[in-house]
C-alpha atoms as a PDB file:
ATOM      1  CA  ASP A   1      14.050  56.646  39.668  1.00  0.00           C
ATOM      2  CA  THR A   2      11.062  58.461  39.142  1.00  0.00           C
ATOM      3  CA  GLY A   3       9.703  55.486  36.736  1.00  0.00           C
ATOM      4  CA  VAL A   4      10.226  52.694  40.082  1.00  0.00           C
ATOM      5  CA  PRO A   5       8.078  53.987  42.415  1.00  0.00           C
ATOM      6  CA  ILE A   6       8.013  52.061  45.615  1.00  0.00           C
ATOM      7  CA  ALA A   7       5.392  51.101  47.607  1.00  0.00           C
ATOM      8  CA  THR A   8       5.314  50.494  51.750  1.00  0.00           C
ATOM      9  CA  CYS A   9       3.419  50.132  54.279  1.00  0.00           C
ATOM     10  CA  VAL A  10       3.931  50.433  58.285  1.00  0.00           C
ATOM     11  CA  LYS A  11       3.433  47.370  61.270  1.00  0.00           C
ATOM     12  CA  ARG A  12       3.567  46.839  64.693  1.00  0.00           C
ATOM     13  CA  LEU A  13       3.282  43.692  66.630  1.00  0.00           C
ATOM     14  CA  ALA A  14       4.686  43.791  70.236  1.00  0.00           C
ATOM     15  CA  GLY A  15       5.904  47.236  69.711  1.00  0.00           C
ATOM     16  CA  THR A  16       7.960  46.136  67.198  1.00  0.00           C
ATOM     17  CA  THR A  17       7.520  47.775  63.730  1.00  0.00           C
ATOM     18  CA  TYR A  18       8.308  46.086  60.544  1.00  0.00           C
ATOM     19  CA  VAL A  19       8.086  48.403  57.032  1.00  0.00           C
ATOM     20  CA  PHE A  20       7.053  46.063  54.169  1.00  0.00           C
ATOM     21  CA  ALA A  21       8.429  47.741  51.622  1.00  0.00           C
ATOM     22  CA  ALA A  22       8.271  46.862  47.339  1.00  0.00           C
ATOM     23  CA  ALA A  23       9.312  48.021  44.146  1.00  0.00           C
ATOM     24  CA  LEU A  24       5.965  47.876  41.345  1.00  0.00           C
ATOM     25  CA  ARG A  25       8.374  48.032  38.219  1.00  0.00           C
ATOM     26  CA  GLU A  26      11.511  46.763  36.038  1.00  0.00           C
ATOM     27  CA  GLY A  27      14.381  48.667  36.615  1.00  0.00           C
ATOM     28  CA  GLU A  28      16.990  49.776  39.751  1.00  0.00           C
ATOM     29  CA  THR A  29      15.871  52.520  42.297  1.00  0.00           C
ATOM     30  CA  THR A  30      16.968  54.002  45.252  1.00  0.00           C
ATOM     31  CA  ALA A  31      14.569  54.620  47.880  1.00  0.00           C
ATOM     32  CA  LYS A  32      14.700  57.495  51.001  1.00  0.00           C
ATOM     33  CA  PHE A  33      12.391  56.404  53.458  1.00  0.00           C
ATOM     34  CA  SER A  34      11.999  58.409  57.172  1.00  0.00           C
ATOM     35  CA  LEU A  35      10.420  56.948  60.158  1.00  0.00           C
ATOM     36  CA  PRO A  36      10.734  58.901  62.988  1.00  0.00           C
ATOM     37  CA  GLU A  37      10.513  56.925  66.191  1.00  0.00           C
ATOM     38  CA  ALA A  38      12.692  54.138  64.571  1.00  0.00           C
ATOM     39  CA  ARG A  39      15.183  56.749  66.012  1.00  0.00           C
ATOM     40  CA  LYS A  40      17.540  55.197  68.033  1.00  0.00           C
ATOM     41  CA  ALA A  41      18.326  51.318  66.143  1.00  0.00           C
ATOM     42  CA  PRO A  42      19.231  50.289  62.834  1.00  0.00           C
ATOM     43  CA  ALA A  43      16.677  47.991  60.756  1.00  0.00           C
ATOM     44  CA  GLU A  44      17.489  44.773  60.331  1.00  0.00           C
ATOM     45  CA  VAL A  45      17.042  43.234  56.897  1.00  0.00           C
ATOM     46  CA  LEU A  46      14.675  40.337  57.102  1.00  0.00           C
ATOM     47  CA  GLY A  47      15.873  37.794  55.164  1.00  0.00           C
ATOM     48  CA  GLU A  48      19.762  39.508  54.181  1.00  0.00           C
ATOM     49  CA  GLY A  49      21.526  39.356  57.757  1.00  0.00           C
ATOM     50  CA  ARG A  50      22.249  43.399  57.206  1.00  0.00           C
ATOM     51  CA  LYS A  51      21.416  46.168  59.660  1.00  0.00           C
ATOM     52  CA  ILE A  52      21.383  49.175  58.031  1.00  0.00           C
ATOM     53  CA  GLY A  53      19.941  52.791  58.873  1.00  0.00           C
ATOM     54  CA  GLY A  54      19.571  54.624  62.399  1.00  0.00           C
ATOM     55  CA  GLY A  55      18.577  58.300  63.117  1.00  0.00           C
ATOM     56  CA  GLY A  56      14.934  57.526  61.773  1.00  0.00           C
ATOM     57  CA  ALA A  57      16.162  57.629  57.723  1.00  0.00           C
ATOM     58  CA  TRP A  58      17.577  55.528  56.055  1.00  0.00           C
ATOM     59  CA  GLU A  59      17.804  54.602  52.104  1.00  0.00           C
ATOM     60  CA  ASP A  60      18.101  51.710  49.469  1.00  0.00           C
ATOM     61  CA  ARG A  61      18.372  50.274  46.392  1.00  0.00           C
ATOM     62  CA  PHE A  62      15.978  48.056  44.579  1.00  0.00           C
ATOM     63  CA  SER A  63      15.837  45.958  41.520  1.00  0.00           C
ATOM     64  CA  GLY A  64      12.845  45.284  39.206  1.00  0.00           C
ATOM     65  CA  TYR A  65       9.778  43.959  41.454  1.00  0.00           C
ATOM     66  CA  GLN A  66      12.906  43.106  44.416  1.00  0.00           C
ATOM     67  CA  VAL A  67      11.267  43.791  48.118  1.00  0.00           C
ATOM     68  CA  GLN A  68      12.393  44.786  50.800  1.00  0.00           C
ATOM     69  CA  LEU A  69      11.624  44.139  54.330  1.00  0.00           C
ATOM     70  CA  TYR A  70      13.095  46.145  57.847  1.00  0.00           C
ATOM     71  CA  ARG A  71      12.252  45.132  61.313  1.00  0.00           C
ATOM     72  CA  PHE A  72      13.072  47.783  63.968  1.00  0.00           C
ATOM     73  CA  ASP A  73      13.180  46.716  67.473  1.00  0.00           C
ATOM     74  CA  PRO A  74      12.739  49.367  70.308  1.00  0.00           C
ATOM     75  CA  ASP A  75      15.061  46.619  72.757  1.00  0.00           C
ATOM     76  CA  GLN A  76      17.929  47.014  70.644  1.00  0.00           C
END
């Protein structure tokens, strides 16, 4: 849903890449992400105990104002 934009920020710390994403309005949407440097392993969704993606691209569902934190560990 283009009416629910997703803001993102990418940071690196000690070789680990983090992607922060947040829905900026009420409503539900699916966001598609692409991070070519994270092709090796899927991302850990912090605080949710699940993994997502792999191959440098993934998509995830967001509800109103929801925040997702993804971590790509280069050793995995």
